[in-house]
Amino acid sequence: HRKNIYPPVDPLPSLSRLMNLGIGKERTREDHRGVSDQMYAGYANGRDLRSLSAVVGEESLTDTDRKYLRFADDFEKKFITQGPYEDRSIEQTLDLGWDLLSSLPEDELKRVKKEFIEKYGRKFRK
């Protein structure tokens, strides 16, 4: 509630083990697992870096670290936060994930297959 995230959820302890049965090719989209894993890892890293930057200052962080901080902020504002009448399809959600991941250096995308970066992620690179 304090961060104005609606619905008020903390995604890190909310990882669903049931998701594995309902995602992937012929269910959602072939890149679903990798995008999910990469976003989860990126958000966890960004949250850890928030704590670190509170101690050492953001100016002490590397450029990549600062990108993870921005990723965590954008993840909360654009991905987790949904208006009460917002209705996103799985395709829109995965594309939003790629858009957010495009803010990170490509060599940081270790949980997504290269073929999916080429197929889905390239159009979001700035």
N, C-alpha and C. Protein backbone atom coordinates (compact mmCIF):
# COMPACT_ATOMS: atom_id res chain seq x y z
N HIS A 1 0.81 -1.20 0.00
CA HIS A 1 0.00 0.00 0.00
C HIS A 1 0.85 1.26 0.00
N ARG A 2 1.96 1.24 0.70
CA ARG A 2 2.79 2.44 0.81
C ARG A 2 3.40 2.86 -0.51
N LYS A 3 3.57 1.94 -1.44
CA LYS A 3 4.19 2.28 -2.73
C LYS A 3 3.15 2.55 -3.80
N ASN A 4 1.87 2.59 -3.41
CA ASN A 4 0.78 2.81 -4.36
C ASN A 4 0.76 1.75 -5.46
N ILE A 5 1.02 0.52 -5.09
CA ILE A 5 0.92 -0.59 -6.02
C ILE A 5 -0.45 -1.22 -5.84
N TYR A 6 -1.20 -1.33 -6.95
CA TYR A 6 -2.50 -1.96 -6.90
C TYR A 6 -2.55 -3.03 -7.96
N PRO A 7 -2.88 -4.23 -7.62
CA PRO A 7 -3.19 -4.70 -6.27
C PRO A 7 -1.93 -4.75 -5.41
N PRO A 8 -2.09 -4.58 -4.09
CA PRO A 8 -0.93 -4.56 -3.19
C PRO A 8 -0.34 -5.96 -3.02
N VAL A 9 0.62 -6.29 -3.85
CA VAL A 9 1.22 -7.62 -3.83
C VAL A 9 2.73 -7.48 -3.89
N ASP A 10 3.41 -8.36 -3.19
CA ASP A 10 4.86 -8.43 -3.28
C ASP A 10 5.18 -9.66 -4.13
N PRO A 11 5.64 -9.49 -5.36
CA PRO A 11 5.82 -10.63 -6.24
C PRO A 11 6.92 -11.61 -5.83
N LEU A 12 7.89 -11.17 -5.06
CA LEU A 12 9.01 -12.08 -4.75
C LEU A 12 8.57 -13.29 -3.93
N PRO A 13 7.82 -13.14 -2.85
CA PRO A 13 7.38 -14.35 -2.14
C PRO A 13 6.13 -14.98 -2.74
N SER A 14 5.64 -14.43 -3.85
CA SER A 14 4.40 -14.90 -4.45
C SER A 14 4.62 -15.83 -5.64
N LEU A 15 5.80 -16.35 -5.80
CA LEU A 15 6.10 -17.22 -6.93
C LEU A 15 5.22 -18.47 -6.87
N SER A 16 4.53 -18.75 -7.95
CA SER A 16 3.61 -19.88 -7.99
C SER A 16 4.27 -21.11 -8.61
N ARG A 17 4.22 -22.19 -7.89
CA ARG A 17 4.71 -23.47 -8.43
C ARG A 17 3.71 -24.07 -9.42
N LEU A 18 2.46 -23.65 -9.32
CA LEU A 18 1.43 -24.16 -10.22
C LEU A 18 1.56 -23.60 -11.63
N MET A 19 2.24 -22.48 -11.76
CA MET A 19 2.38 -21.84 -13.06
C MET A 19 3.00 -22.78 -14.08
N ASN A 20 3.91 -23.63 -13.66
CA ASN A 20 4.62 -24.51 -14.58
C ASN A 20 3.69 -25.37 -15.42
N LEU A 21 2.54 -25.73 -14.87
CA LEU A 21 1.61 -26.60 -15.58
C LEU A 21 0.80 -25.87 -16.65
N GLY A 22 0.77 -24.56 -16.58
CA GLY A 22 -0.11 -23.83 -17.48
C GLY A 22 0.56 -22.87 -18.44
N ILE A 23 1.88 -22.96 -18.58
CA ILE A 23 2.56 -22.01 -19.47
C ILE A 23 3.38 -22.73 -20.53
N GLY A 24 3.80 -21.97 -21.50
CA GLY A 24 4.69 -22.49 -22.53
C GLY A 24 3.97 -22.71 -23.85
N LYS A 25 4.70 -23.23 -24.80
CA LYS A 25 4.19 -23.45 -26.15
C LYS A 25 2.88 -24.25 -26.09
N GLU A 26 1.93 -23.83 -26.88
CA GLU A 26 0.60 -24.41 -26.98
C GLU A 26 -0.29 -24.11 -25.77
N ARG A 27 0.22 -23.38 -24.79
CA ARG A 27 -0.61 -22.96 -23.66
C ARG A 27 -0.66 -21.44 -23.60
N THR A 28 0.50 -20.81 -23.51
CA THR A 28 0.56 -19.35 -23.52
C THR A 28 1.42 -18.95 -24.71
N ARG A 29 2.70 -18.80 -24.48
CA ARG A 29 3.64 -18.51 -25.57
C ARG A 29 4.96 -19.12 -25.18
N GLU A 30 5.72 -19.53 -26.17
CA GLU A 30 6.95 -20.29 -25.93
C GLU A 30 7.98 -19.56 -25.08
N ASP A 31 7.93 -18.24 -25.06
CA ASP A 31 8.90 -17.46 -24.30
C ASP A 31 8.45 -17.17 -22.87
N HIS A 32 7.28 -17.63 -22.49
CA HIS A 32 6.70 -17.28 -21.19
C HIS A 32 7.62 -17.62 -20.02
N ARG A 33 8.14 -18.83 -19.96
CA ARG A 33 8.99 -19.24 -18.84
C ARG A 33 10.23 -18.34 -18.73
N GLY A 34 10.92 -18.13 -19.83
CA GLY A 34 12.14 -17.33 -19.79
C GLY A 34 11.88 -15.88 -19.41
N VAL A 35 10.82 -15.30 -19.97
CA VAL A 35 10.48 -13.91 -19.63
C VAL A 35 10.14 -13.81 -18.15
N SER A 36 9.34 -14.74 -17.67
CA SER A 36 8.96 -14.75 -16.26
C SER A 36 10.19 -14.87 -15.36
N ASP A 37 11.03 -15.84 -15.65
CA ASP A 37 12.24 -16.04 -14.84
C ASP A 37 13.16 -14.83 -14.86
N GLN A 38 13.33 -14.23 -16.05
CA GLN A 38 14.23 -13.09 -16.18
C GLN A 38 13.68 -11.87 -15.46
N MET A 39 12.38 -11.65 -15.56
CA MET A 39 11.79 -10.50 -14.86
C MET A 39 11.85 -10.68 -13.35
N TYR A 40 11.60 -11.88 -12.89
CA TYR A 40 11.67 -12.17 -11.46
C TYR A 40 13.09 -11.92 -10.94
N ALA A 41 14.08 -12.43 -11.68
CA ALA A 41 15.48 -12.24 -11.28
C ALA A 41 15.88 -10.77 -11.33
N GLY A 42 15.46 -10.07 -12.38
CA GLY A 42 15.79 -8.66 -12.50
C GLY A 42 15.17 -7.83 -11.39
N TYR A 43 13.94 -8.15 -11.05
CA TYR A 43 13.27 -7.42 -9.97
C TYR A 43 13.94 -7.70 -8.63
N ALA A 44 14.27 -8.96 -8.38
CA ALA A 44 14.96 -9.31 -7.12
C ALA A 44 16.29 -8.57 -7.02
N ASN A 45 17.02 -8.52 -8.11
CA ASN A 45 18.30 -7.81 -8.13
C ASN A 45 18.09 -6.32 -7.88
N GLY A 46 17.10 -5.74 -8.53
CA GLY A 46 16.80 -4.33 -8.34
C GLY A 46 16.42 -4.01 -6.90
N ARG A 47 15.65 -4.88 -6.28
CA ARG A 47 15.27 -4.66 -4.88
C ARG A 47 16.48 -4.75 -3.97
N ASP A 48 17.36 -5.71 -4.22
CA ASP A 48 18.59 -5.81 -3.43
C ASP A 48 19.43 -4.54 -3.59
N LEU A 49 19.50 -4.04 -4.81
CA LEU A 49 20.28 -2.83 -5.07
C LEU A 49 19.67 -1.59 -4.43
N ARG A 50 18.36 -1.57 -4.26
CA ARG A 50 17.72 -0.47 -3.53
C ARG A 50 18.26 -0.40 -2.11
N SER A 51 18.33 -1.56 -1.48
CA SER A 51 18.85 -1.62 -0.11
C SER A 51 20.31 -1.17 -0.07
N LEU A 52 21.10 -1.65 -1.01
CA LEU A 52 22.51 -1.28 -1.06
C LEU A 52 22.67 0.22 -1.31
N SER A 53 21.89 0.77 -2.23
CA SER A 53 22.03 2.19 -2.55
C SER A 53 21.60 3.07 -1.38
N ALA A 54 20.74 2.57 -0.52
CA ALA A 54 20.36 3.33 0.67
C ALA A 54 21.54 3.48 1.62
N VAL A 55 22.48 2.54 1.56
CA VAL A 55 23.65 2.57 2.43
C VAL A 55 24.81 3.32 1.77
N VAL A 56 25.12 2.96 0.53
CA VAL A 56 26.32 3.52 -0.12
C VAL A 56 26.02 4.68 -1.07
N GLY A 57 24.75 4.89 -1.39
CA GLY A 57 24.37 5.96 -2.32
C GLY A 57 24.33 5.44 -3.74
N GLU A 58 23.36 5.93 -4.50
CA GLU A 58 23.18 5.47 -5.88
C GLU A 58 24.39 5.79 -6.76
N GLU A 59 25.08 6.88 -6.45
CA GLU A 59 26.25 7.26 -7.26
C GLU A 59 27.38 6.25 -7.14
N SER A 60 27.36 5.41 -6.11
CA SER A 60 28.38 4.38 -5.94
C SER A 60 28.09 3.13 -6.76
N LEU A 61 26.92 3.06 -7.35
CA LEU A 61 26.54 1.88 -8.12
C LEU A 61 27.05 1.98 -9.55
N THR A 62 27.19 0.84 -10.20
CA THR A 62 27.59 0.82 -11.60
C THR A 62 26.42 1.25 -12.48
N ASP A 63 26.71 1.52 -13.73
CA ASP A 63 25.66 1.87 -14.69
C ASP A 63 24.64 0.73 -14.79
N THR A 64 25.12 -0.50 -14.85
CA THR A 64 24.21 -1.65 -14.92
C THR A 64 23.37 -1.75 -13.66
N ASP A 65 23.97 -1.51 -12.50
CA ASP A 65 23.20 -1.52 -11.25
C ASP A 65 22.07 -0.50 -11.29
N ARG A 66 22.37 0.69 -11.79
CA ARG A 66 21.34 1.74 -11.89
C ARG A 66 20.23 1.34 -12.86
N LYS A 67 20.58 0.60 -13.89
CA LYS A 67 19.55 0.10 -14.82
C LYS A 67 18.64 -0.89 -14.11
N TYR A 68 19.21 -1.71 -13.25
CA TYR A 68 18.38 -2.64 -12.47
C TYR A 68 17.47 -1.89 -11.49
N LEU A 69 17.96 -0.80 -10.91
CA LEU A 69 17.11 0.01 -10.04
C LEU A 69 15.92 0.56 -10.82
N ARG A 70 16.18 1.10 -12.00
CA ARG A 70 15.10 1.64 -12.84
C ARG A 70 14.16 0.51 -13.28
N PHE A 71 14.73 -0.65 -13.59
CA PHE A 71 13.91 -1.80 -13.97
C PHE A 71 12.94 -2.15 -12.84
N ALA A 72 13.44 -2.20 -11.61
CA ALA A 72 12.58 -2.53 -10.46
C ALA A 72 11.46 -1.51 -10.31
N ASP A 73 11.78 -0.24 -10.45
CA ASP A 73 10.76 0.82 -10.37
C ASP A 73 9.72 0.65 -11.48
N ASP A 74 10.19 0.45 -12.71
CA ASP A 74 9.27 0.29 -13.83
C ASP A 74 8.45 -0.99 -13.70
N PHE A 75 9.06 -2.05 -13.20
CA PHE A 75 8.35 -3.31 -12.99
C PHE A 75 7.15 -3.08 -12.06
N GLU A 76 7.38 -2.36 -10.98
CA GLU A 76 6.29 -2.08 -10.03
C GLU A 76 5.24 -1.16 -10.64
N LYS A 77 5.68 -0.11 -11.32
CA LYS A 77 4.74 0.89 -11.86
C LYS A 77 3.96 0.39 -13.07
N LYS A 78 4.62 -0.35 -13.94
CA LYS A 78 4.00 -0.71 -15.22
C LYS A 78 3.51 -2.15 -15.29
N PHE A 79 4.18 -3.06 -14.58
CA PHE A 79 3.83 -4.47 -14.72
C PHE A 79 2.92 -4.94 -13.58
N ILE A 80 3.32 -4.69 -12.35
CA ILE A 80 2.55 -5.14 -11.20
C ILE A 80 1.30 -4.29 -10.99
N THR A 81 1.47 -2.98 -11.04
CA THR A 81 0.35 -2.08 -10.82
C THR A 81 -0.63 -2.18 -11.98
N GLN A 82 -1.88 -2.46 -11.64
CA GLN A 82 -2.94 -2.51 -12.64
C GLN A 82 -4.14 -1.75 -12.11
N GLY A 83 -4.75 -1.00 -12.98
CA GLY A 83 -5.98 -0.31 -12.60
C GLY A 83 -7.10 -1.32 -12.41
N PRO A 84 -8.13 -0.96 -11.68
CA PRO A 84 -9.22 -1.90 -11.42
C PRO A 84 -9.95 -2.35 -12.69
N TYR A 85 -9.85 -1.59 -13.77
CA TYR A 85 -10.53 -1.95 -15.01
C TYR A 85 -9.56 -2.34 -16.12
N GLU A 86 -8.30 -2.49 -15.77
CA GLU A 86 -7.30 -2.88 -16.77
C GLU A 86 -7.41 -4.37 -17.03
N ASP A 87 -7.41 -4.72 -18.30
CA ASP A 87 -7.52 -6.11 -18.70
C ASP A 87 -6.45 -6.37 -19.76
N ARG A 88 -5.36 -7.01 -19.34
CA ARG A 88 -4.24 -7.28 -20.25
C ARG A 88 -4.27 -8.74 -20.67
N SER A 89 -4.12 -8.97 -21.95
CA SER A 89 -4.01 -10.35 -22.44
C SER A 89 -2.62 -10.89 -22.10
N ILE A 90 -2.45 -12.20 -22.23
CA ILE A 90 -1.14 -12.80 -21.96
C ILE A 90 -0.12 -12.28 -22.98
N GLU A 91 -0.54 -12.08 -24.23
CA GLU A 91 0.36 -11.54 -25.25
C GLU A 91 0.82 -10.13 -24.87
N GLN A 92 -0.12 -9.30 -24.45
CA GLN A 92 0.23 -7.94 -24.03
C GLN A 92 1.15 -7.96 -22.82
N THR A 93 0.90 -8.88 -21.91
CA THR A 93 1.70 -8.98 -20.70
C THR A 93 3.13 -9.41 -21.03
N LEU A 94 3.28 -10.39 -21.90
CA LEU A 94 4.62 -10.83 -22.30
C LEU A 94 5.35 -9.74 -23.08
N ASP A 95 4.64 -9.04 -23.94
CA ASP A 95 5.26 -7.93 -24.67
C ASP A 95 5.68 -6.82 -23.71
N LEU A 96 4.87 -6.54 -22.71
CA LEU A 96 5.25 -5.56 -21.70
C LEU A 96 6.51 -6.02 -20.97
N GLY A 97 6.58 -7.32 -20.69
CA GLY A 97 7.79 -7.88 -20.07
C GLY A 97 9.01 -7.63 -20.92
N TRP A 98 8.90 -7.89 -22.22
CA TRP A 98 10.02 -7.64 -23.13
C TRP A 98 10.39 -6.17 -23.17
N ASP A 99 9.38 -5.31 -23.16
CA ASP A 99 9.64 -3.87 -23.17
C ASP A 99 10.44 -3.47 -21.93
N LEU A 100 10.06 -3.98 -20.78
CA LEU A 100 10.79 -3.68 -19.55
C LEU A 100 12.19 -4.27 -19.58
N LEU A 101 12.31 -5.51 -20.05
CA LEU A 101 13.62 -6.16 -20.11
C LEU A 101 14.57 -5.45 -21.08
N SER A 102 14.01 -4.74 -22.05
CA SER A 102 14.87 -4.04 -23.03
C SER A 102 15.68 -2.92 -22.39
N SER A 103 15.33 -2.54 -21.17
CA SER A 103 16.11 -1.51 -20.47
C SER A 103 17.40 -2.07 -19.87
N LEU A 104 17.50 -3.38 -19.82
CA LEU A 104 18.71 -4.03 -19.28
C LEU A 104 19.65 -4.39 -20.42
N PRO A 105 20.95 -4.41 -20.15
CA PRO A 105 21.90 -4.85 -21.18
C PRO A 105 21.57 -6.28 -21.63
N GLU A 106 21.67 -6.52 -22.91
CA GLU A 106 21.31 -7.84 -23.44
C GLU A 106 22.13 -8.96 -22.81
N ASP A 107 23.39 -8.69 -22.49
CA ASP A 107 24.20 -9.75 -21.89
C ASP A 107 23.76 -10.09 -20.46
N GLU A 108 22.85 -9.32 -19.90
CA GLU A 108 22.28 -9.63 -18.58
C GLU A 108 21.09 -10.58 -18.69
N LEU A 109 20.58 -10.78 -19.89
CA LEU A 109 19.40 -11.63 -20.09
C LEU A 109 19.82 -13.09 -20.21
N LYS A 110 20.20 -13.65 -19.10
CA LYS A 110 20.75 -15.01 -19.08
C LYS A 110 19.69 -16.10 -18.91
N ARG A 111 18.47 -15.71 -18.57
CA ARG A 111 17.42 -16.69 -18.32
C ARG A 111 16.46 -16.83 -19.51
N VAL A 112 16.75 -16.09 -20.56
CA VAL A 112 15.91 -16.14 -21.76
C VAL A 112 16.75 -16.70 -22.90
N LYS A 113 16.18 -17.65 -23.63
CA LYS A 113 16.91 -18.22 -24.76
C LYS A 113 17.19 -17.15 -25.81
N LYS A 114 18.38 -17.23 -26.39
CA LYS A 114 18.79 -16.27 -27.43
C LYS A 114 17.76 -16.22 -28.57
N GLU A 115 17.23 -17.38 -28.93
CA GLU A 115 16.26 -17.40 -30.03
C GLU A 115 15.01 -16.58 -29.70
N PHE A 116 14.64 -16.53 -28.42
CA PHE A 116 13.47 -15.74 -28.03
C PHE A 116 13.81 -14.25 -27.95
N ILE A 117 15.05 -13.94 -27.59
CA ILE A 117 15.48 -12.54 -27.63
C ILE A 117 15.37 -12.04 -29.07
N GLU A 118 15.83 -12.86 -30.01
CA GLU A 118 15.76 -12.49 -31.42
C GLU A 118 14.32 -12.38 -31.90
N LYS A 119 13.50 -13.34 -31.53
CA LYS A 119 12.13 -13.42 -32.04
C LYS A 119 11.20 -12.39 -31.41
N TYR A 120 11.31 -12.18 -30.10
CA TYR A 120 10.36 -11.32 -29.40
C TYR A 120 10.97 -10.03 -28.84
N GLY A 121 12.21 -10.10 -28.42
CA GLY A 121 12.80 -8.97 -27.70
C GLY A 121 13.37 -7.86 -28.55
N ARG A 122 13.79 -8.17 -29.76
CA ARG A 122 14.46 -7.18 -30.60
C ARG A 122 13.61 -5.94 -30.87
N LYS A 123 12.32 -6.12 -31.06
CA LYS A 123 11.48 -4.98 -31.43
C LYS A 123 11.35 -3.96 -30.31
N PHE A 124 11.73 -4.34 -29.09
CA PHE A 124 11.63 -3.43 -27.96
C PHE A 124 12.95 -2.74 -27.63
N ARG A 125 14.04 -3.17 -28.25
CA ARG A 125 15.35 -2.56 -27.99
C ARG A 125 15.35 -1.13 -28.49
N LYS A 126 15.85 -0.25 -27.66
CA LYS A 126 15.89 1.17 -28.01
C LYS A 126 17.18 1.53 -28.70
